[in-house]
Every structure is written in structure tokens, then in C-alpha cells.
Amino acid sequence: MDRWPIGVFTSLDAGLGAQLEVAKELGISTIQLYAPSKQKRTPAHNKELVQRLERLGIALTAVFAGFESESYADIPTVGRTVGLVPKETRAPRLAEMIDIAKFTHELGCSVVGLHLGFVPHDPAEPLYTAVLDVTRKLCDYCRDKDLSLHLETGQEPAIVLLEFLKRVGRDNLFINFDPANMILYGVGKPIEALEILGSYVRSVHCKDAKWAAHPRKEWGQEVPLGQGDVNIEAFLRTLDKIRYSGPLTIERELSHDPVRQRAEISLAIGVLEQLKTKILH
């Protein structure tokens, strides 16, 4: 695989990713996939999907999980509903994560990812210990399937996430770094965060955003790549500095407006191709 192949975040049914045919039409060679509904995670569907990707000439680099009762309505709601942190849903979601990891393995993909949820800042909190425990259990299952687990950035400052990764203590636990999420959640400057977390970064989202008027209290604004506060050139130069060579996966969640989604993904491809040429040659 070439250095920094351009990818796109996709979905088959649930989720907000682009459709596979859009990736093919735009000449994209790699994808991350939002895990489909349980009804489509069967041996027959898996075989059909593998064959479909082969026909399209697209490599699957990661499968990302999500859960039905999650809500991104506002930042406090994210804290209450997202990932494996909320106590009320933790056990059934761990079971679903294990099923998604099995699905990922059956597709021949080596990476499963998710938003873990807001990691508590204080390691002395009982919730911190509980989140450590569930993350270790998931990592151990993934290791048995030769999978790496990638946690998406954004819901806590980089230094908090770094300490958490160290305390989990599993060699198959890494980061999917999304620079825009640092801005959207108001938890830190993305380039500084990338430098702090660089040794754990194994996949990335290429996404852009503008800071909110009141960071951490309200959402920032997601915008087309290159039009926000991330500084995409600095982001790629820092990826080069930390020797990241994997896909640059565009995430533009506009499935409610597929025409605009396709146009903005196409725009993002142009931005990344131009910067790749500038930085790598």
C-alpha cells in the first residue's frame, strides 16, 4: 500500500458514512466501515461483502462500532449515552462489541474501533476502574482474534487519554486520531494533541471544524476539509513527523444530503492530494 492512501468512512445501512459506490466513483482505494446492523453481520452477508469489496477494488482498513441508544444531541448527552462508559448499557454493549469484533475478523480486517465515551479524569474514581476493566476485556478478546482496538479521540484531553492507554496496559490498544473532534468537543488543540498521542496513532480521520464560542459547553461546527481551524497542512506534516504512513480517511457525515456529501468528499480528496504532493515529494 502506498503511503497515505486516501480513504473514506462508509456505511452499508446504519451510520452516516458514504456509500461504497461513492468511494468507487471517486477513485478511493481504502475505507473504514461503520458496522452494519446485527441482521447483516451473518456469514452469508460477510461473504457477500468481501466479494463486493474485491469487485470494487477497495481495501477495508477498520470497522467502527456504534450503538442504537447513543445520542450526539449535545455534549452532556454524549457523556450520558455514548460508548462503554455508561454503566446501564455497558454489559450489553460489550457483548455487541465482541460480536462486531468477530464480524471484523471474519471480513479479514485487523482493526475494530469505537468511541469509548468520556473517560473520567480522576483514576481514583470507581467509574475509571470500571472503564479500565471493560476496555481490558475487549482488548483481550480482540487479541484472541488478532485484532487491534482503536479508540477515537475527542471526548477527553490528550493527556487524559494517554494516561488511560498506559493504565489499560494492552499492546493491541491504539488510537484513531480525529483532529476535528478535539475542536468539536473543545478538549484541546489538535496538533498539540497529535504530538502527545503520536506513538499510539494507527489510524486517522481527516475532518475539519471551527471552535465553538463556548468550548466544552457547546458543539463546535464541522466544516468542509480545509475550511476550519484544524490546519490540515500542519496536521499532515505532524503525521509525517510521527512517521504515520496509513490511510488518510475522510469522514464527512452528511448521508441526509448525499449530493453535498459526495461533493465535499471530492473536495477533501483534492485538498489531501495537493498536500500529499507538497509534503511527500
Protein backbone atom coordinates (compact mmCIF):
# COMPACT_ATOMS: atom_id res chain seq x y z
CA MET A 1 0.00 0.00 0.00
CA ASP A 2 1.28 3.47 -0.88
CA ARG A 3 1.98 5.90 1.92
CA TRP A 4 -1.12 7.87 2.94
CA PRO A 5 -3.67 6.27 0.60
CA ILE A 6 -6.85 8.32 0.68
CA GLY A 7 -9.83 6.61 2.27
CA VAL A 8 -13.39 7.41 3.26
CA PHE A 9 -15.67 6.49 6.15
CA THR A 10 -18.56 4.40 4.78
CA SER A 11 -21.75 2.66 5.86
CA LEU A 12 -23.99 -0.06 4.45
CA ASP A 13 -27.22 0.64 6.34
CA ALA A 14 -26.91 2.32 9.71
CA GLY A 15 -24.44 5.14 10.30
CA LEU A 16 -23.63 8.34 8.50
CA GLY A 17 -20.81 7.27 6.20
CA ALA A 18 -20.73 7.44 2.42
CA GLN A 19 -21.97 4.56 0.28
CA LEU A 20 -19.42 2.13 -1.18
CA GLU A 21 -20.33 3.11 -4.73
CA VAL A 22 -19.42 6.73 -3.96
CA ALA A 23 -15.99 5.60 -2.82
CA LYS A 24 -15.55 3.66 -6.06
CA GLU A 25 -16.74 6.56 -8.24
CA LEU A 26 -14.30 8.93 -6.56
CA GLY A 27 -11.37 6.56 -7.03
CA ILE A 28 -10.87 5.87 -3.31
CA SER A 29 -8.89 2.73 -2.53
CA THR A 30 -9.46 2.26 1.23
CA ILE A 31 -12.42 2.53 3.57
CA GLN A 32 -13.38 2.40 7.19
CA LEU A 33 -16.81 0.83 7.65
CA TYR A 34 -19.48 1.65 10.20
CA ALA A 35 -20.56 -1.75 11.49
CA PRO A 36 -23.88 -2.74 9.90
CA SER A 37 -26.91 -3.91 11.86
CA LYS A 38 -26.78 -7.33 13.50
CA GLN A 39 -29.04 -8.76 10.78
CA LYS A 40 -26.30 -8.05 8.25
CA ARG A 41 -23.46 -9.46 10.34
CA THR A 42 -24.03 -13.06 9.23
CA PRO A 43 -21.67 -15.46 7.43
CA ALA A 44 -23.65 -15.11 4.19
CA HIS A 45 -23.64 -11.31 4.31
CA ASN A 46 -19.96 -11.28 5.30
CA LYS A 47 -19.02 -13.38 2.29
CA GLU A 48 -21.09 -11.15 0.02
CA LEU A 49 -19.44 -8.02 1.42
CA VAL A 50 -15.91 -9.40 0.98
CA GLN A 51 -16.72 -10.26 -2.63
CA ARG A 52 -18.25 -6.82 -3.19
CA LEU A 53 -15.14 -5.06 -1.88
CA GLU A 54 -12.95 -7.24 -4.08
CA ARG A 55 -15.05 -6.32 -7.15
CA LEU A 56 -14.78 -2.63 -6.29
CA GLY A 57 -11.02 -2.87 -5.66
CA ILE A 58 -11.40 -1.36 -2.19
CA ALA A 59 -9.46 -2.38 0.93
CA LEU A 60 -11.24 -2.41 4.30
CA THR A 61 -8.92 -0.93 6.94
CA ALA A 62 -11.18 -0.71 10.01
CA VAL A 63 -14.70 -1.47 11.24
CA PHE A 64 -16.21 1.09 13.63
CA ALA A 65 -18.88 0.27 16.15
CA GLY A 66 -21.84 2.32 17.25
CA PHE A 67 -24.81 1.57 19.48
CA GLU A 68 -28.53 2.16 18.98
CA SER A 69 -29.23 4.20 22.09
CA GLU A 70 -26.28 6.58 21.65
CA SER A 71 -27.10 10.25 21.11
CA TYR A 72 -24.88 13.11 19.99
CA ALA A 73 -27.58 15.74 20.60
CA ASP A 74 -25.26 17.81 22.80
CA ILE A 75 -22.08 17.29 24.81
CA PRO A 76 -23.77 16.33 28.13
CA THR A 77 -25.93 13.79 26.28
CA VAL A 78 -22.82 12.26 24.72
CA GLY A 79 -21.40 11.80 28.21
CA ARG A 80 -24.56 10.00 29.35
CA THR A 81 -25.15 7.78 26.31
CA VAL A 82 -22.03 7.08 24.23
CA GLY A 83 -19.71 4.11 24.27
CA LEU A 84 -18.84 1.68 27.05
CA VAL A 85 -18.67 4.25 29.84
CA PRO A 86 -22.39 4.45 30.81
CA LYS A 87 -22.98 1.78 33.47
CA GLU A 88 -26.56 0.89 32.48
CA THR A 89 -25.64 -0.18 28.95
CA ARG A 90 -22.06 -1.35 29.46
CA ALA A 91 -22.63 -5.12 29.65
CA PRO A 92 -24.90 -5.46 26.59
CA ARG A 93 -22.67 -3.12 24.61
CA LEU A 94 -19.57 -5.14 25.49
CA ALA A 95 -21.41 -8.20 24.17
CA GLU A 96 -22.24 -6.32 20.96
CA MET A 97 -18.65 -5.11 20.64
CA ILE A 98 -17.47 -8.71 20.86
CA ASP A 99 -19.92 -9.62 18.10
CA ILE A 100 -18.66 -6.72 15.97
CA ALA A 101 -15.06 -7.79 16.61
CA LYS A 102 -15.98 -11.29 15.44
CA PHE A 103 -17.60 -9.78 12.34
CA THR A 104 -14.45 -7.72 11.68
CA HIS A 105 -12.26 -10.80 11.94
CA GLU A 106 -14.50 -12.75 9.56
CA LEU A 107 -14.10 -9.96 6.98
CA GLY A 108 -10.33 -10.37 7.14
CA CYS A 109 -9.90 -6.90 8.65
CA SER A 110 -7.46 -6.41 11.55
CA VAL A 111 -8.85 -3.25 13.20
CA VAL A 112 -12.04 -2.58 15.15
CA GLY A 113 -12.73 0.87 16.58
CA LEU A 114 -15.22 2.85 18.65
CA HIS A 115 -15.94 5.95 20.69
CA LEU A 116 -15.28 4.59 24.18
CA GLY A 117 -17.13 7.51 25.78
CA PHE A 118 -15.92 10.14 28.22
CA VAL A 119 -13.05 8.64 30.21
CA PRO A 120 -13.12 10.02 33.78
CA HIS A 121 -10.25 12.36 34.52
CA ASP A 122 -9.52 11.02 38.02
CA PRO A 123 -8.05 7.48 38.15
CA ALA A 124 -9.26 7.21 41.75
CA GLU A 125 -12.91 7.28 40.65
CA PRO A 126 -14.70 3.91 40.75
CA LEU A 127 -16.01 4.62 37.22
CA TYR A 128 -12.42 4.93 35.98
CA THR A 129 -11.64 1.43 37.28
CA ALA A 130 -14.79 0.05 35.67
CA VAL A 131 -13.92 1.57 32.29
CA LEU A 132 -10.37 0.21 32.56
CA ASP A 133 -11.80 -3.24 33.23
CA VAL A 134 -14.21 -3.29 30.29
CA THR A 135 -11.54 -1.95 27.93
CA ARG A 136 -9.12 -4.67 29.00
CA LYS A 137 -11.78 -7.34 28.45
CA LEU A 138 -12.45 -6.06 24.95
CA CYS A 139 -8.73 -5.80 24.15
CA ASP A 140 -8.19 -9.37 25.32
CA TYR A 141 -10.99 -10.69 23.13
CA CYS A 142 -9.62 -8.71 20.18
CA ARG A 143 -6.13 -10.11 20.74
CA ASP A 144 -7.53 -13.64 20.51
CA LYS A 145 -8.88 -12.68 17.08
CA ASP A 146 -5.61 -10.97 16.01
CA LEU A 147 -7.35 -7.60 16.12
CA SER A 148 -6.21 -4.18 17.25
CA LEU A 149 -8.67 -1.92 19.05
CA HIS A 150 -8.63 1.77 18.06
CA LEU A 151 -10.22 4.38 20.33
CA GLU A 152 -11.45 7.54 18.64
CA THR A 153 -10.12 10.82 20.04
CA GLY A 154 -12.14 13.83 21.05
CA GLN A 155 -14.06 13.18 24.24
CA GLU A 156 -11.22 13.92 26.65
CA PRO A 157 -7.96 15.90 26.57
CA ALA A 158 -4.96 14.13 25.04
CA ILE A 159 -3.08 13.84 28.32
CA VAL A 160 -6.08 12.11 29.97
CA LEU A 161 -6.39 9.64 27.09
CA LEU A 162 -2.64 8.97 27.13
CA GLU A 163 -2.69 8.11 30.84
CA PHE A 164 -5.71 5.87 30.30
CA LEU A 165 -4.00 3.96 27.47
CA LYS A 166 -0.97 3.37 29.66
CA ARG A 167 -3.10 2.13 32.55
CA VAL A 168 -5.05 -0.28 30.32
CA GLY A 169 -1.70 -1.86 29.54
CA ARG A 170 -2.60 -3.81 26.39
CA ASP A 171 -0.32 -3.95 23.35
CA ASN A 172 -3.20 -4.06 20.86
CA LEU A 173 -4.82 -0.81 22.02
CA PHE A 174 -4.25 2.21 19.79
CA ILE A 175 -5.82 5.47 18.62
CA ASN A 176 -7.86 6.59 15.65
CA PHE A 177 -6.96 10.28 15.71
CA ASP A 178 -9.69 12.70 14.62
CA PRO A 179 -8.36 16.28 14.78
CA ALA A 180 -11.78 17.89 14.30
CA ASN A 181 -13.19 16.11 17.34
CA MET A 182 -10.70 17.88 19.57
CA ILE A 183 -12.25 21.15 18.40
CA LEU A 184 -15.88 19.97 18.29
CA TYR A 185 -15.69 18.79 21.91
CA GLY A 186 -13.45 21.69 22.93
CA VAL A 187 -10.86 19.48 24.63
CA GLY A 188 -7.60 20.67 23.11
CA LYS A 189 -5.64 21.93 20.14
CA PRO A 190 -5.48 19.10 17.59
CA ILE A 191 -1.85 19.42 16.51
CA GLU A 192 -0.60 19.51 20.10
CA ALA A 193 -2.81 16.51 20.91
CA LEU A 194 -1.43 14.58 17.95
CA GLU A 195 2.13 15.17 19.15
CA ILE A 196 1.20 13.96 22.66
CA LEU A 197 -0.55 10.82 21.39
CA GLY A 198 1.61 10.15 18.34
CA SER A 199 3.12 6.84 19.44
CA TYR A 200 -0.37 5.34 19.71
CA VAL A 201 -1.81 6.67 16.45
CA ARG A 202 -2.53 3.87 13.97
CA SER A 203 -5.44 5.36 12.00
CA VAL A 204 -6.83 8.84 11.39
CA HIS A 205 -9.90 10.73 10.27
CA CYS A 206 -9.45 13.72 8.01
CA LYS A 207 -12.14 16.11 9.20
CA ASP A 208 -12.28 19.84 9.92
CA ALA A 209 -14.16 22.05 12.36
CA LYS A 210 -14.43 25.52 13.87
CA TRP A 211 -14.27 26.25 17.59
CA ALA A 212 -17.49 26.97 19.46
CA ALA A 213 -17.97 30.32 21.16
CA HIS A 214 -18.04 28.41 24.47
CA PRO A 215 -15.83 25.31 24.09
CA ARG A 216 -16.79 22.21 26.12
CA LYS A 217 -20.21 23.75 26.82
CA GLU A 218 -21.47 23.66 23.24
CA TRP A 219 -20.51 21.94 20.00
CA GLY A 220 -18.03 23.36 17.58
CA GLN A 221 -19.07 23.45 13.93
CA GLU A 222 -17.99 20.76 11.45
CA VAL A 223 -16.99 22.25 8.08
CA PRO A 224 -15.53 21.00 4.77
CA LEU A 225 -11.90 19.88 4.92
CA GLY A 226 -9.50 22.82 4.73
CA GLN A 227 -12.08 25.41 5.81
CA GLY A 228 -11.83 25.05 9.58
CA ASP A 229 -9.42 25.53 12.47
CA VAL A 230 -7.56 22.19 12.30
CA ASN A 231 -4.89 23.44 9.85
CA ILE A 232 -4.86 20.36 7.63
CA GLU A 233 -1.37 21.03 6.27
CA ALA A 234 0.04 21.17 9.81
CA PHE A 235 -1.93 18.00 10.62
CA LEU A 236 -0.35 16.11 7.71
CA ARG A 237 3.11 17.49 8.46
CA THR A 238 2.77 16.26 12.04
CA LEU A 239 1.64 12.84 10.77
CA ASP A 240 4.81 12.83 8.68
CA LYS A 241 6.83 13.82 11.75
CA ILE A 242 5.46 10.90 13.81
CA ARG A 243 6.03 8.58 10.81
CA TYR A 244 2.41 7.72 10.28
CA SER A 245 2.06 6.02 6.90
CA GLY A 246 -1.50 4.64 6.93
CA PRO A 247 -4.67 5.81 5.19
CA LEU A 248 -6.00 9.35 5.33
CA THR A 249 -9.66 8.51 5.89
CA ILE A 250 -12.10 11.30 5.06
CA GLU A 251 -15.10 11.44 7.38
CA ARG A 252 -17.98 13.62 6.20
CA GLU A 253 -21.23 12.52 7.78
CA LEU A 254 -23.89 14.01 5.51
CA SER A 255 -25.88 10.95 4.50
CA HIS A 256 -29.09 13.04 4.73
CA ASP A 257 -27.72 15.07 1.78
CA PRO A 258 -25.81 12.60 -0.45
CA VAL A 259 -25.20 15.15 -3.23
CA ARG A 260 -23.50 17.55 -0.83
CA GLN A 261 -21.69 14.67 0.88
CA ARG A 262 -20.23 13.46 -2.42
CA ALA A 263 -19.18 16.98 -3.39
CA GLU A 264 -17.45 17.64 -0.08
CA ILE A 265 -15.68 14.28 -0.11
CA SER A 266 -14.47 15.11 -3.62
CA LEU A 267 -13.26 18.49 -2.36
CA ALA A 268 -11.44 16.79 0.52
CA ILE A 269 -9.71 14.39 -1.88
CA GLY A 270 -8.38 17.38 -3.82
CA VAL A 271 -7.10 19.04 -0.64
CA LEU A 272 -5.34 15.87 0.51
CA GLU A 273 -3.85 15.04 -2.88
CA GLN A 274 -2.40 18.53 -3.15
CA LEU A 275 -0.91 18.37 0.34
CA LYS A 276 0.45 14.86 -0.17
CA THR A 277 2.31 16.08 -3.25
CA LYS A 278 3.61 19.10 -1.36
CA ILE A 279 4.76 17.19 1.73
CA LEU A 280 5.89 13.79 0.41
CA HIS A 281 7.63 14.79 -2.83
